[in-house]
Amino acid sequence: MLTRRVPARPLFGMHPAIILAVLDTIGLLVAGYLSVVELSGGVPVCGPIKGCEEVALSEYARIGGVPVAVFGVVLSIALLALAIAWWRTNIYGLLLAHYALSLIGVLFDGYFLYLQVFVIEAVCIWCVTYEISLLLRFLIAFVVWYRQPKPGAEEVPDD
């Protein structure tokens, strides 16, 4: 069932995987910037908005010594690969994998946003940008999954 090819219903006139891939690329660029800065020992530049330095220097900015942003890079690469593969093959399981991984990311980012607001008491605009891109990826994958014909289900013609 998961390896069945099910043609995607267009979203905004295009294959929904293209929209997901664009958002995955945005997330990858943001997480990549944060990773490079943090791995080189710096802190992200936020311009007139304050908070990035506090978040980057907090004890919550790393897991096992690895900057949280590196996990965002890995997640975004995985999601981008799934989106491209789904676009090229229409294999239903790839859509489900994108949906599931983005849900895991949203749950983690929700926790990280909680830490920023209530524990660190500072918000990194780069982190929030990544979180918004991930939330959009999750919501689009959910909408697409919800309106996508399921493998084995017969198409009901639109009247």
C-alpha atoms as a PDB file:
ATOM      1  CA  MET A   1       0.000   0.000   0.000  1.00  0.00           C
ATOM      2  CA  LEU A   2       2.762   2.459   0.887  1.00  0.00           C
ATOM      3  CA  THR A   3       4.661   1.786  -2.333  1.00  0.00           C
ATOM      4  CA  ARG A   4       1.634   2.342  -4.560  1.00  0.00           C
ATOM      5  CA  ARG A   5       1.816   5.229  -6.955  1.00  0.00           C
ATOM      6  CA  VAL A   6      -1.046   7.660  -6.460  1.00  0.00           C
ATOM      7  CA  PRO A   7      -1.137  10.758  -8.668  1.00  0.00           C
ATOM      8  CA  ALA A   8      -1.014  13.894  -6.524  1.00  0.00           C
ATOM      9  CA  ARG A   9      -3.848  16.348  -6.636  1.00  0.00           C
ATOM     10  CA  PRO A  10      -2.412  19.743  -7.614  1.00  0.00           C
ATOM     11  CA  LEU A  11      -2.151  22.433  -4.966  1.00  0.00           C
ATOM     12  CA  PHE A  12      -2.052  26.010  -6.266  1.00  0.00           C
ATOM     13  CA  GLY A  13      -1.787  24.557  -9.774  1.00  0.00           C
ATOM     14  CA  MET A  14       1.329  22.454  -9.156  1.00  0.00           C
ATOM     15  CA  HIS A  15       2.452  19.190  -7.655  1.00  0.00           C
ATOM     16  CA  PRO A  16       2.386  19.753  -3.865  1.00  0.00           C
ATOM     17  CA  ALA A  17       5.848  18.221  -3.540  1.00  0.00           C
ATOM     18  CA  ILE A  18       7.276  21.275  -5.319  1.00  0.00           C
ATOM     19  CA  ILE A  19       5.805  23.544  -2.626  1.00  0.00           C
ATOM     20  CA  LEU A  20       7.197  21.250   0.065  1.00  0.00           C
ATOM     21  CA  ALA A  21      10.612  21.215  -1.625  1.00  0.00           C
ATOM     22  CA  VAL A  22      10.719  25.036  -1.710  1.00  0.00           C
ATOM     23  CA  LEU A  23       9.864  25.220   2.001  1.00  0.00           C
ATOM     24  CA  ASP A  24      12.387  22.449   2.731  1.00  0.00           C
ATOM     25  CA  THR A  25      15.042  24.483   0.911  1.00  0.00           C
ATOM     26  CA  ILE A  26      14.183  27.605   2.917  1.00  0.00           C
ATOM     27  CA  GLY A  27      14.475  25.585   6.130  1.00  0.00           C
ATOM     28  CA  LEU A  28      17.772  24.114   4.945  1.00  0.00           C
ATOM     29  CA  LEU A  29      19.197  27.569   4.221  1.00  0.00           C
ATOM     30  CA  VAL A  30      18.184  28.918   7.641  1.00  0.00           C
ATOM     31  CA  ALA A  31      19.426  25.851   9.546  1.00  0.00           C
ATOM     32  CA  GLY A  32      22.591  25.832   7.414  1.00  0.00           C
ATOM     33  CA  TYR A  33      23.345  29.450   8.290  1.00  0.00           C
ATOM     34  CA  LEU A  34      22.795  28.807  11.996  1.00  0.00           C
ATOM     35  CA  SER A  35      24.910  25.631  11.879  1.00  0.00           C
ATOM     36  CA  VAL A  36      27.854  27.292  10.149  1.00  0.00           C
ATOM     37  CA  VAL A  37      27.800  30.229  12.558  1.00  0.00           C
ATOM     38  CA  GLU A  38      27.490  28.084  15.676  1.00  0.00           C
ATOM     39  CA  LEU A  39      30.033  25.455  14.582  1.00  0.00           C
ATOM     40  CA  SER A  40      32.548  28.235  13.896  1.00  0.00           C
ATOM     41  CA  GLY A  41      32.073  29.524  17.449  1.00  0.00           C
ATOM     42  CA  GLY A  42      30.029  32.599  16.560  1.00  0.00           C
ATOM     43  CA  VAL A  43      26.495  33.690  17.262  1.00  0.00           C
ATOM     44  CA  PRO A  44      23.848  34.489  14.636  1.00  0.00           C
ATOM     45  CA  VAL A  45      23.300  38.107  13.649  1.00  0.00           C
ATOM     46  CA  CYS A  46      19.752  39.297  14.266  1.00  0.00           C
ATOM     47  CA  GLY A  47      20.104  42.933  13.286  1.00  0.00           C
ATOM     48  CA  PRO A  48      17.895  45.267  15.313  1.00  0.00           C
ATOM     49  CA  ILE A  49      15.954  42.335  16.760  1.00  0.00           C
ATOM     50  CA  LYS A  50      17.590  41.019  19.904  1.00  0.00           C
ATOM     51  CA  GLY A  51      17.582  37.495  21.285  1.00  0.00           C
ATOM     52  CA  CYS A  52      19.684  35.402  18.923  1.00  0.00           C
ATOM     53  CA  GLU A  53      22.822  35.679  21.023  1.00  0.00           C
ATOM     54  CA  GLU A  54      21.046  34.690  24.241  1.00  0.00           C
ATOM     55  CA  VAL A  55      19.454  31.662  22.585  1.00  0.00           C
ATOM     56  CA  ALA A  56      22.689  30.595  20.850  1.00  0.00           C
ATOM     57  CA  LEU A  57      24.668  30.846  24.081  1.00  0.00           C
ATOM     58  CA  SER A  58      22.065  29.084  26.227  1.00  0.00           C
ATOM     59  CA  GLU A  59      22.527  25.549  27.525  1.00  0.00           C
ATOM     60  CA  TYR A  60      19.585  24.509  25.308  1.00  0.00           C
ATOM     61  CA  ALA A  61      21.303  25.441  22.029  1.00  0.00           C
ATOM     62  CA  ARG A  62      23.162  22.111  21.897  1.00  0.00           C
ATOM     63  CA  ILE A  63      22.190  18.485  22.328  1.00  0.00           C
ATOM     64  CA  GLY A  64      25.105  16.271  23.228  1.00  0.00           C
ATOM     65  CA  GLY A  65      27.464  19.050  22.187  1.00  0.00           C
ATOM     66  CA  VAL A  66      25.885  19.347  18.719  1.00  0.00           C
ATOM     67  CA  PRO A  67      24.132  22.624  17.843  1.00  0.00           C
ATOM     68  CA  VAL A  68      20.369  22.185  17.515  1.00  0.00           C
ATOM     69  CA  ALA A  69      20.614  23.803  14.077  1.00  0.00           C
ATOM     70  CA  VAL A  70      22.621  20.825  12.783  1.00  0.00           C
ATOM     71  CA  PHE A  71      19.616  18.613  13.519  1.00  0.00           C
ATOM     72  CA  GLY A  72      17.555  21.108  11.516  1.00  0.00           C
ATOM     73  CA  VAL A  73      19.942  20.688   8.581  1.00  0.00           C
ATOM     74  CA  VAL A  74      19.632  16.905   8.737  1.00  0.00           C
ATOM     75  CA  LEU A  75      15.841  17.100   9.017  1.00  0.00           C
ATOM     76  CA  SER A  76      15.566  19.575   6.131  1.00  0.00           C
ATOM     77  CA  ILE A  77      17.777  17.441   3.875  1.00  0.00           C
ATOM     78  CA  ALA A  78      15.687  14.364   4.664  1.00  0.00           C
ATOM     79  CA  LEU A  79      12.439  16.254   4.023  1.00  0.00           C
ATOM     80  CA  LEU A  80      13.791  17.737   0.785  1.00  0.00           C
ATOM     81  CA  ALA A  81      14.840  14.282  -0.430  1.00  0.00           C
ATOM     82  CA  LEU A  82      11.386  12.902   0.398  1.00  0.00           C
ATOM     83  CA  ALA A  83       9.621  15.784  -1.375  1.00  0.00           C
ATOM     84  CA  ILE A  84      11.720  15.393  -4.530  1.00  0.00           C
ATOM     85  CA  ALA A  85      11.319  11.614  -4.517  1.00  0.00           C
ATOM     86  CA  TRP A  86       7.542  11.942  -4.081  1.00  0.00           C
ATOM     87  CA  TRP A  87       7.374  14.508  -6.905  1.00  0.00           C
ATOM     88  CA  ARG A  88       9.319  12.205  -9.224  1.00  0.00           C
ATOM     89  CA  THR A  89       7.527   8.936  -8.331  1.00  0.00           C
ATOM     90  CA  ASN A  90       4.126   9.717  -6.748  1.00  0.00           C
ATOM     91  CA  ILE A  91       4.803   6.914  -4.255  1.00  0.00           C
ATOM     92  CA  TYR A  92       2.247   7.442  -1.495  1.00  0.00           C
ATOM     93  CA  GLY A  93       4.580   6.301   1.300  1.00  0.00           C
ATOM     94  CA  LEU A  94       6.967   9.179   0.566  1.00  0.00           C
ATOM     95  CA  LEU A  95       4.192  11.690   1.273  1.00  0.00           C
ATOM     96  CA  LEU A  96       3.442   9.878   4.541  1.00  0.00           C
ATOM     97  CA  ALA A  97       7.129   9.877   5.507  1.00  0.00           C
ATOM     98  CA  HIS A  98       7.357  13.635   4.848  1.00  0.00           C
ATOM     99  CA  TYR A  99       4.238  14.191   6.932  1.00  0.00           C
ATOM    100  CA  ALA A 100       5.523  12.059   9.830  1.00  0.00           C
ATOM    101  CA  LEU A 101       9.013  13.598   9.878  1.00  0.00           C
ATOM    102  CA  SER A 102       7.649  17.124   9.710  1.00  0.00           C
ATOM    103  CA  LEU A 103       5.296  16.295  12.610  1.00  0.00           C
ATOM    104  CA  ILE A 104       8.267  15.132  14.706  1.00  0.00           C
ATOM    105  CA  GLY A 105      10.094  18.350  13.783  1.00  0.00           C
ATOM    106  CA  VAL A 106       7.105  20.516  14.705  1.00  0.00           C
ATOM    107  CA  LEU A 107       6.815  18.818  18.097  1.00  0.00           C
ATOM    108  CA  PHE A 108      10.516  19.370  18.804  1.00  0.00           C
ATOM    109  CA  ASP A 109      10.366  22.973  17.573  1.00  0.00           C
ATOM    110  CA  GLY A 110       7.306  23.618  19.721  1.00  0.00           C
ATOM    111  CA  TYR A 111       9.340  22.516  22.731  1.00  0.00           C
ATOM    112  CA  PHE A 112      12.305  24.647  21.624  1.00  0.00           C
ATOM    113  CA  LEU A 113      10.033  27.677  21.180  1.00  0.00           C
ATOM    114  CA  TYR A 114       8.659  27.066  24.670  1.00  0.00           C
ATOM    115  CA  LEU A 115      12.249  27.059  25.990  1.00  0.00           C
ATOM    116  CA  GLN A 116      13.032  30.311  24.182  1.00  0.00           C
ATOM    117  CA  VAL A 117       9.973  32.162  25.460  1.00  0.00           C
ATOM    118  CA  PHE A 118       9.595  30.831  29.002  1.00  0.00           C
ATOM    119  CA  VAL A 119      13.019  29.525  30.061  1.00  0.00           C
ATOM    120  CA  ILE A 120      15.660  31.466  28.128  1.00  0.00           C
ATOM    121  CA  GLU A 121      13.357  34.514  27.902  1.00  0.00           C
ATOM    122  CA  ALA A 122      14.789  35.445  24.512  1.00  0.00           C
ATOM    123  CA  VAL A 123      13.672  34.568  20.996  1.00  0.00           C
ATOM    124  CA  CYS A 124      15.939  33.979  18.017  1.00  0.00           C
ATOM    125  CA  ILE A 125      14.321  35.278  14.831  1.00  0.00           C
ATOM    126  CA  TRP A 126      16.277  32.723  12.768  1.00  0.00           C
ATOM    127  CA  CYS A 127      14.927  29.904  14.924  1.00  0.00           C
ATOM    128  CA  VAL A 128      11.387  31.246  14.601  1.00  0.00           C
ATOM    129  CA  THR A 129      11.799  31.506  10.828  1.00  0.00           C
ATOM    130  CA  TYR A 130      12.846  27.852  10.717  1.00  0.00           C
ATOM    131  CA  GLU A 131       9.960  26.915  13.002  1.00  0.00           C
ATOM    132  CA  ILE A 132       7.464  28.725  10.762  1.00  0.00           C
ATOM    133  CA  SER A 133       8.858  27.013   7.656  1.00  0.00           C
ATOM    134  CA  LEU A 134       8.578  23.639   9.394  1.00  0.00           C
ATOM    135  CA  LEU A 135       5.034  24.337  10.570  1.00  0.00           C
ATOM    136  CA  LEU A 136       4.067  25.287   7.008  1.00  0.00           C
ATOM    137  CA  ARG A 137       5.668  22.081   5.715  1.00  0.00           C
ATOM    138  CA  PHE A 138       3.704  20.048   8.226  1.00  0.00           C
ATOM    139  CA  LEU A 139       0.405  21.824   7.488  1.00  0.00           C
ATOM    140  CA  ILE A 140       0.818  21.491   3.723  1.00  0.00           C
ATOM    141  CA  ALA A 141       1.743  17.813   4.035  1.00  0.00           C
ATOM    142  CA  PHE A 142      -1.324  17.316   6.251  1.00  0.00           C
ATOM    143  CA  VAL A 143      -3.665  19.082   3.814  1.00  0.00           C
ATOM    144  CA  VAL A 144      -2.209  17.146   0.892  1.00  0.00           C
ATOM    145  CA  TRP A 145      -2.488  13.849   2.785  1.00  0.00           C
ATOM    146  CA  TYR A 146      -6.074  14.654   3.790  1.00  0.00           C
ATOM    147  CA  ARG A 147      -7.238  15.442   0.251  1.00  0.00           C
ATOM    148  CA  GLN A 148      -5.007  12.901  -1.502  1.00  0.00           C
ATOM    149  CA  PRO A 149      -6.715   9.737  -2.764  1.00  0.00           C
ATOM    150  CA  LYS A 150      -5.568   6.822  -0.640  1.00  0.00           C
ATOM    151  CA  PRO A 151      -3.994   3.811  -2.329  1.00  0.00           C
ATOM    152  CA  GLY A 152      -6.658   1.277  -3.193  1.00  0.00           C
ATOM    153  CA  ALA A 153      -9.490   3.773  -2.790  1.00  0.00           C
ATOM    154  CA  GLU A 154     -11.467   4.380  -5.910  1.00  0.00           C
ATOM    155  CA  GLU A 155     -11.582   7.899  -7.203  1.00  0.00           C
ATOM    156  CA  VAL A 156     -14.965   9.534  -6.811  1.00  0.00           C
ATOM    157  CA  PRO A 157     -15.551  11.834  -9.782  1.00  0.00           C
ATOM    158  CA  ASP A 158     -16.171  15.491  -8.982  1.00  0.00           C
ATOM    159  CA  ASP A 159     -19.634  16.624 -10.041  1.00  0.00           C
END
